[in-house]
Amino acid sequence: MEPGVQDGEVNALEQPIRMKNNGQINIVFNAENRKTLQKELPIKEILVQEIPSQHAALREIEEELKALVGMEEMKRMIKEIYAWIYINKQREAKGLKTGRQALHMMFKGNPGTGKTTVARLIGKLFQKMNVLSKGHLIEAERADLVGEYIGHTAQKTRDLIKKAIGGILFIDEAYSLGRGGEKDFGKEAIDTLVKHMEDRQHEFILILAGYSREMDYFLSLNPGLHSRFPLVVDFPDYTIGQLMEIADRMLQEREYIMNREAERKLKEHLIILRSYRGSISFSNGRYIRNVIEKSIRAQAMRLLLEDSFEKTDLLTLTCQDLIFEDDEKE
């Protein structure tokens, strides 16, 4: 039996996780909230203490969390959910009330902000805690759920849920299910999801992801949706500094470096791109990964033509190696 919590048992989560009047928990990961959280010393002091040796699952997940840039409140949230579930198991062992609460989630944010990566980590953690039997992640989008005729959509959706049993069903751009109006088969997919979230709520976890504004509208399409997502997580865009850190980590993993001129060029490009495009059309970490991969290929071609294979040359990306999306369109 997977333990949950009663209404009075959420105090341990009240710091970065806010309870709404409808019972939904809203988590916002941004710099503004971080300033407030720093004043909440009791929770913070507990979390910086060394994790007891019996919590091997949490130790393993924490090592993986260290590889993520930013998202400090998200990292804290995962630890607190672990503590929440673990303590309820202890309550159950002592004959105290625990109840069971579904752990379906909604991730709001722009592309490339780490939503899929976090979903995978949550699956691993819950599998190690025996909350999920497998902990695998099934990724889906509108085309995977919506069929071509009446009844087809419900069957496709049920098949996906069946594959996700024991793990997580992650639906990206979930708001697209509600874009076609009343006659669109997307509504049938939503209704099927709602039914199985209730009937099999402790057998799998559903995570819906998408842009913040569109996801708010999506919640209004079915009266049963809002109450079935106890965890709503906001993923903010990365800062320029965090994007540069992501680039540096990617390069380190591949045994490359950028010289100072290349670093300066990349940073200036990101500043201009963010101000020109705005946050909605900018793909965050995904954009950085594409730049690094294309630039490594460009460096390989340059060195091949120059017939230059010294170790320093093989390691270093220069300004002329950096390839941006705008460069490819010219």
Protein backbone atom coordinates (compact mmCIF):
# COMPACT_ATOMS: atom_id res chain seq x y z
CA MET A 1 0.00 0.00 0.00
CA GLU A 2 1.44 3.38 -1.03
CA PRO A 3 0.88 5.86 1.78
CA GLY A 4 -0.47 9.34 1.19
CA VAL A 5 -1.29 12.18 3.53
CA GLN A 6 -4.32 13.62 5.22
CA ASP A 7 -5.23 17.28 4.95
CA GLY A 8 -3.51 18.08 8.19
CA GLU A 9 -0.30 16.34 7.22
CA VAL A 10 1.01 18.76 4.58
CA ASN A 11 2.85 21.06 6.99
CA ALA A 12 6.18 19.56 6.01
CA LEU A 13 5.56 20.75 2.47
CA GLU A 14 4.25 24.23 3.17
CA GLN A 15 7.49 26.07 2.51
CA PRO A 16 8.12 25.86 -1.27
CA ILE A 17 4.79 24.07 -1.91
CA ARG A 18 1.68 26.20 -1.48
CA MET A 19 -1.76 24.77 -0.80
CA LYS A 20 -4.60 26.37 -2.74
CA ASN A 21 -8.18 26.47 -1.51
CA ASN A 22 -9.07 23.59 -3.82
CA GLY A 23 -6.45 21.33 -2.26
CA GLN A 24 -4.03 21.70 -5.14
CA ILE A 25 -0.36 22.26 -4.38
CA ASN A 26 1.41 24.88 -6.46
CA ILE A 27 5.20 24.94 -6.70
CA VAL A 28 6.98 27.90 -8.27
CA PHE A 29 10.70 27.61 -9.01
CA ASN A 30 12.07 31.11 -9.49
CA ALA A 31 14.45 33.62 -7.99
CA GLU A 32 11.75 35.72 -6.37
CA ASN A 33 10.45 32.81 -4.31
CA ARG A 34 13.98 31.81 -3.40
CA LYS A 35 14.44 35.05 -1.47
CA THR A 36 11.40 34.24 0.65
CA LEU A 37 12.44 30.66 1.19
CA GLN A 38 15.80 31.69 2.58
CA LYS A 39 14.01 33.11 5.61
CA GLU A 40 12.37 29.76 6.36
CA LEU A 41 15.37 28.42 8.26
CA PRO A 42 13.92 25.29 9.94
CA ILE A 43 13.16 23.48 6.64
CA LYS A 44 16.36 24.63 4.99
CA GLU A 45 18.50 23.56 7.92
CA ILE A 46 16.91 20.11 7.86
CA LEU A 47 17.54 19.67 4.15
CA VAL A 48 21.23 20.62 4.26
CA GLN A 49 21.97 18.00 6.90
CA GLU A 50 23.59 14.77 5.73
CA ILE A 51 21.03 12.21 4.59
CA PRO A 52 20.94 9.17 6.91
CA SER A 53 22.58 6.06 5.44
CA GLN A 54 19.33 4.06 5.26
CA HIS A 55 17.96 6.41 2.59
CA ALA A 56 20.05 5.02 -0.27
CA ALA A 57 17.38 5.83 -2.85
CA LEU A 58 17.40 9.51 -1.95
CA ARG A 59 21.21 9.58 -1.95
CA GLU A 60 21.29 8.17 -5.49
CA ILE A 61 18.70 10.64 -6.76
CA GLU A 62 20.49 13.53 -5.07
CA GLU A 63 23.65 12.68 -7.02
CA GLU A 64 21.67 12.91 -10.26
CA LEU A 65 20.05 16.17 -9.16
CA LYS A 66 23.49 17.73 -8.74
CA ALA A 67 23.97 17.43 -12.48
CA LEU A 68 20.98 19.72 -13.12
CA VAL A 69 21.63 23.45 -13.48
CA GLY A 70 19.40 25.68 -11.38
CA MET A 71 15.95 24.43 -10.28
CA GLU A 72 16.91 24.55 -6.60
CA GLU A 73 13.29 24.56 -5.39
CA MET A 74 12.51 21.59 -7.65
CA LYS A 75 15.38 19.67 -6.08
CA ARG A 76 14.06 20.53 -2.64
CA MET A 77 10.55 19.51 -3.67
CA ILE A 78 11.72 16.03 -4.74
CA LYS A 79 13.44 15.55 -1.37
CA GLU A 80 10.34 16.67 0.48
CA ILE A 81 8.08 14.32 -1.47
CA TYR A 82 10.48 11.52 -0.54
CA ALA A 83 10.25 12.55 3.13
CA TRP A 84 6.48 12.88 2.87
CA ILE A 85 6.03 9.35 1.51
CA TYR A 86 8.63 7.81 3.83
CA ILE A 87 7.12 9.32 6.98
CA ASN A 88 3.66 8.14 5.99
CA LYS A 89 5.04 4.63 5.67
CA GLN A 90 6.33 4.98 9.22
CA ARG A 91 2.89 6.23 10.33
CA GLU A 92 1.29 3.22 8.67
CA ALA A 93 3.68 0.88 10.50
CA LYS A 94 2.66 2.48 13.80
CA GLY A 95 -1.04 2.13 13.07
CA LEU A 96 -1.61 5.84 12.44
CA LYS A 97 -3.81 7.26 9.71
CA THR A 98 -2.08 7.74 6.39
CA GLY A 99 -4.67 7.68 3.64
CA ARG A 100 -3.63 7.54 -0.02
CA GLN A 101 -3.15 10.49 -2.30
CA ALA A 102 -2.61 10.43 -6.03
CA LEU A 103 0.66 11.94 -7.21
CA HIS A 104 -0.42 13.11 -10.67
CA MET A 105 1.42 16.30 -11.66
CA MET A 106 1.29 19.22 -14.05
CA PHE A 107 4.49 20.82 -15.35
CA LYS A 108 4.17 24.36 -16.69
CA GLY A 109 6.92 26.11 -18.59
CA ASN A 110 8.57 26.88 -21.90
CA PRO A 111 10.42 24.26 -23.99
CA GLY A 112 13.87 23.12 -22.87
CA THR A 113 13.44 23.93 -19.17
CA GLY A 114 14.02 20.38 -17.90
CA LYS A 115 10.48 19.02 -17.60
CA THR A 116 11.14 15.64 -19.24
CA THR A 117 14.42 15.20 -17.34
CA VAL A 118 12.66 15.82 -14.03
CA ALA A 119 9.87 13.39 -14.94
CA ARG A 120 12.46 10.63 -15.51
CA LEU A 121 14.11 11.34 -12.15
CA ILE A 122 10.76 11.22 -10.36
CA GLY A 123 10.05 7.85 -11.98
CA LYS A 124 13.39 6.50 -10.73
CA LEU A 125 12.83 7.79 -7.21
CA PHE A 126 9.29 6.42 -6.92
CA GLN A 127 10.41 3.04 -8.25
CA LYS A 128 13.16 2.86 -5.63
CA MET A 129 10.56 3.75 -2.97
CA ASN A 130 8.12 1.10 -4.23
CA VAL A 131 5.56 3.78 -5.03
CA LEU A 132 5.82 2.68 -8.68
CA SER A 133 6.56 -0.92 -9.63
CA LYS A 134 8.64 -0.06 -12.72
CA GLY A 135 9.35 3.67 -12.74
CA HIS A 136 9.59 3.86 -16.54
CA LEU A 137 8.56 6.91 -18.57
CA ILE A 138 6.15 6.76 -21.50
CA GLU A 139 6.29 9.99 -23.54
CA ALA A 140 3.28 10.96 -25.63
CA GLU A 141 1.72 13.86 -27.51
CA ARG A 142 -1.63 14.56 -29.14
CA ALA A 143 -1.04 12.28 -32.15
CA ASP A 144 -0.42 9.32 -29.82
CA LEU A 145 -3.80 9.72 -28.13
CA VAL A 146 -6.25 11.15 -30.68
CA GLY A 147 -7.74 8.77 -33.23
CA GLU A 148 -9.55 9.28 -36.51
CA TYR A 149 -13.06 8.12 -35.65
CA ILE A 150 -15.42 7.78 -32.70
CA GLY A 151 -14.11 5.24 -30.19
CA HIS A 152 -10.62 5.13 -31.70
CA THR A 153 -9.29 7.85 -29.38
CA ALA A 154 -10.50 6.13 -26.21
CA GLN A 155 -8.81 2.90 -27.28
CA LYS A 156 -5.51 4.62 -28.15
CA THR A 157 -5.55 6.44 -24.82
CA ARG A 158 -6.31 3.26 -22.87
CA ASP A 159 -3.45 1.48 -24.68
CA LEU A 160 -1.01 4.23 -23.64
CA ILE A 161 -2.19 4.11 -20.05
CA LYS A 162 -1.74 0.32 -20.09
CA LYS A 163 1.88 0.78 -21.23
CA ALA A 164 2.43 3.32 -18.45
CA ILE A 165 1.13 1.10 -15.62
CA GLY A 166 3.84 0.91 -12.98
CA GLY A 167 5.45 4.10 -14.26
CA ILE A 168 4.77 7.59 -15.59
CA LEU A 169 2.73 8.73 -18.60
CA PHE A 170 4.20 12.06 -19.69
CA ILE A 171 2.07 14.03 -22.17
CA ASP A 172 3.82 17.07 -23.64
CA GLU A 173 1.86 19.99 -25.07
CA ALA A 174 -1.19 18.48 -23.38
CA TYR A 175 -3.22 21.64 -24.02
CA SER A 176 -3.38 20.63 -27.71
CA LEU A 177 -5.96 18.00 -26.70
CA GLY A 178 -8.45 20.80 -26.06
CA ARG A 179 -7.86 22.98 -29.09
CA GLY A 180 -10.39 21.47 -31.48
CA GLY A 181 -13.60 22.36 -29.66
CA GLU A 182 -16.52 20.15 -28.69
CA LYS A 183 -16.48 18.01 -31.85
CA ASP A 184 -12.76 17.28 -31.72
CA PHE A 185 -11.65 13.82 -30.59
CA GLY A 186 -9.19 15.46 -28.19
CA LYS A 187 -12.05 15.85 -25.73
CA GLU A 188 -12.55 12.09 -25.81
CA ALA A 189 -8.89 11.64 -24.87
CA ILE A 190 -9.28 14.05 -21.93
CA ASP A 191 -12.39 12.24 -20.66
CA THR A 192 -10.61 8.87 -20.90
CA LEU A 193 -7.59 10.19 -19.02
CA VAL A 194 -9.78 11.62 -16.25
CA LYS A 195 -11.60 8.31 -15.81
CA HIS A 196 -8.40 6.25 -15.57
CA MET A 197 -6.72 8.79 -13.29
CA GLU A 198 -9.47 7.95 -10.82
CA ASP A 199 -9.88 4.23 -11.47
CA ARG A 200 -6.14 3.45 -11.53
CA GLN A 201 -4.75 6.44 -9.66
CA HIS A 202 -2.23 4.45 -7.61
CA GLU A 203 -1.05 2.28 -10.50
CA PHE A 204 0.57 5.02 -12.60
CA ILE A 205 1.37 8.71 -12.48
CA LEU A 206 0.16 11.11 -15.17
CA ILE A 207 2.26 14.20 -15.84
CA LEU A 208 0.84 16.80 -18.23
CA ALA A 209 3.27 19.41 -19.55
CA GLY A 210 3.05 22.58 -21.60
CA TYR A 211 3.14 26.37 -21.72
CA SER A 212 1.79 27.98 -18.53
CA ARG A 213 -1.04 30.01 -20.06
CA GLU A 214 -2.24 27.22 -22.33
CA MET A 215 -2.20 24.70 -19.47
CA ASP A 216 -4.36 27.00 -17.33
CA TYR A 217 -6.93 27.07 -20.14
CA PHE A 218 -6.66 23.31 -20.56
CA LEU A 219 -7.61 22.77 -16.91
CA SER A 220 -10.87 24.61 -17.48
CA LEU A 221 -12.00 22.19 -20.22
CA ASN A 222 -12.99 19.37 -17.86
CA PRO A 223 -14.35 19.99 -14.35
CA GLY A 224 -12.61 16.84 -13.10
CA LEU A 225 -9.12 17.81 -14.25
CA HIS A 226 -8.21 20.52 -11.78
CA SER A 227 -8.75 18.49 -8.62
CA ARG A 228 -6.83 15.48 -9.94
CA PHE A 229 -3.45 17.23 -10.09
CA PRO A 230 -2.25 17.73 -6.50
CA LEU A 231 1.19 18.89 -7.69
CA VAL A 232 1.52 21.79 -10.12
CA VAL A 233 5.10 22.72 -10.93
CA ASP A 234 6.27 25.89 -12.69
CA PHE A 235 9.58 25.63 -14.59
CA PRO A 236 11.09 29.08 -15.20
CA ASP A 237 13.33 29.96 -18.13
CA TYR A 238 17.06 29.63 -17.48
CA THR A 239 19.01 32.82 -16.88
CA ILE A 240 21.86 33.72 -19.25
CA GLY A 241 24.35 32.65 -16.58
CA GLN A 242 22.63 29.28 -16.18
CA LEU A 243 22.59 28.75 -19.96
CA MET A 244 26.34 29.40 -20.04
CA GLU A 245 26.78 26.89 -17.21
CA ILE A 246 24.78 24.31 -19.17
CA ALA A 247 27.03 24.91 -22.20
CA ASP A 248 30.14 24.51 -20.04
CA ARG A 249 28.91 21.22 -18.56
CA MET A 250 28.04 19.85 -21.99
CA LEU A 251 31.52 20.71 -23.23
CA GLN A 252 33.19 19.15 -20.19
CA GLU A 253 31.27 15.90 -20.75
CA ARG A 254 32.58 15.80 -24.32
CA GLU A 255 36.13 16.96 -23.37
CA TYR A 256 35.96 20.30 -25.15
CA ILE A 257 36.49 23.90 -24.06
CA MET A 258 35.63 27.29 -25.54
CA ASN A 259 38.25 29.99 -25.67
CA ARG A 260 37.42 33.38 -24.15
CA GLU A 261 36.40 34.93 -27.44
CA ALA A 262 33.99 32.08 -28.15
CA GLU A 263 32.49 32.33 -24.64
CA ARG A 264 31.99 36.06 -25.12
CA LYS A 265 30.38 35.54 -28.53
CA LEU A 266 27.98 32.89 -27.19
CA LYS A 267 26.95 35.02 -24.21
CA GLU A 268 26.34 38.09 -26.37
CA HIS A 269 24.32 35.99 -28.80
CA LEU A 270 22.12 34.61 -26.00
CA ILE A 271 21.46 38.10 -24.61
CA ILE A 272 20.40 39.39 -28.04
CA LEU A 273 18.37 36.27 -28.81
CA ARG A 274 16.43 36.41 -25.55
CA SER A 275 15.59 40.09 -25.98
CA TYR A 276 14.66 39.63 -29.66
CA ARG A 277 12.64 36.43 -29.47
CA GLY A 278 11.18 36.74 -26.00
CA SER A 279 10.82 33.82 -23.61
CA ILE A 280 8.05 31.92 -25.41
CA SER A 281 9.86 31.05 -28.65
CA PHE A 282 13.27 30.47 -27.06
CA SER A 283 14.00 26.80 -26.38
CA ASN A 284 16.36 27.26 -23.42
CA GLY A 285 18.63 24.29 -22.70
CA ARG A 286 17.57 22.57 -25.90
CA TYR A 287 18.89 25.53 -27.91
CA ILE A 288 22.24 25.36 -26.11
CA ARG A 289 22.58 21.64 -26.82
CA ASN A 290 21.93 22.22 -30.52
CA VAL A 291 24.53 25.02 -30.65
CA ILE A 292 27.18 22.87 -28.96
CA GLU A 293 26.57 19.84 -31.18
CA LYS A 294 26.63 21.89 -34.40
CA SER A 295 29.73 23.79 -33.29
CA ILE A 296 31.62 20.58 -32.54
CA ARG A 297 30.89 19.36 -36.05
CA ALA A 298 31.99 22.72 -37.49
CA GLN A 299 35.26 22.50 -35.52
CA ALA A 300 35.88 19.01 -36.89
CA MET A 301 35.51 20.24 -40.45
CA ARG A 302 37.78 23.25 -39.80
CA LEU A 303 40.54 21.09 -38.30
CA LEU A 304 40.25 18.62 -41.13
CA LEU A 305 40.75 21.35 -43.74
CA GLU A 306 43.56 22.95 -41.74
CA ASP A 307 45.22 19.56 -41.19
CA SER A 308 45.70 20.64 -37.56
CA PHE A 309 45.52 17.89 -34.93
CA GLU A 310 47.45 19.14 -31.89
CA LYS A 311 45.75 18.32 -28.58
CA THR A 312 44.96 21.98 -27.85
CA ASP A 313 43.35 22.35 -31.28
CA LEU A 314 41.29 19.20 -30.79
CA LEU A 315 40.05 20.48 -27.43
CA THR A 316 39.20 24.07 -28.29
CA LEU A 317 36.14 25.62 -29.92
CA THR A 318 36.77 29.08 -31.35
CA CYS A 319 34.48 31.90 -32.50
CA GLN A 320 34.47 30.61 -36.05
CA ASP A 321 33.22 27.21 -34.87
CA LEU A 322 30.09 28.58 -33.16
CA ILE A 323 27.03 27.87 -35.29
CA PHE A 324 23.74 29.58 -34.43
CA GLU A 325 20.31 28.99 -35.95
CA ASP A 326 20.36 32.39 -37.65
CA ASP A 327 23.69 31.53 -39.30
CA GLU A 328 22.18 28.43 -40.93
CA LYS A 329 19.33 30.44 -42.48
CA GLU A 330 21.67 32.85 -44.26
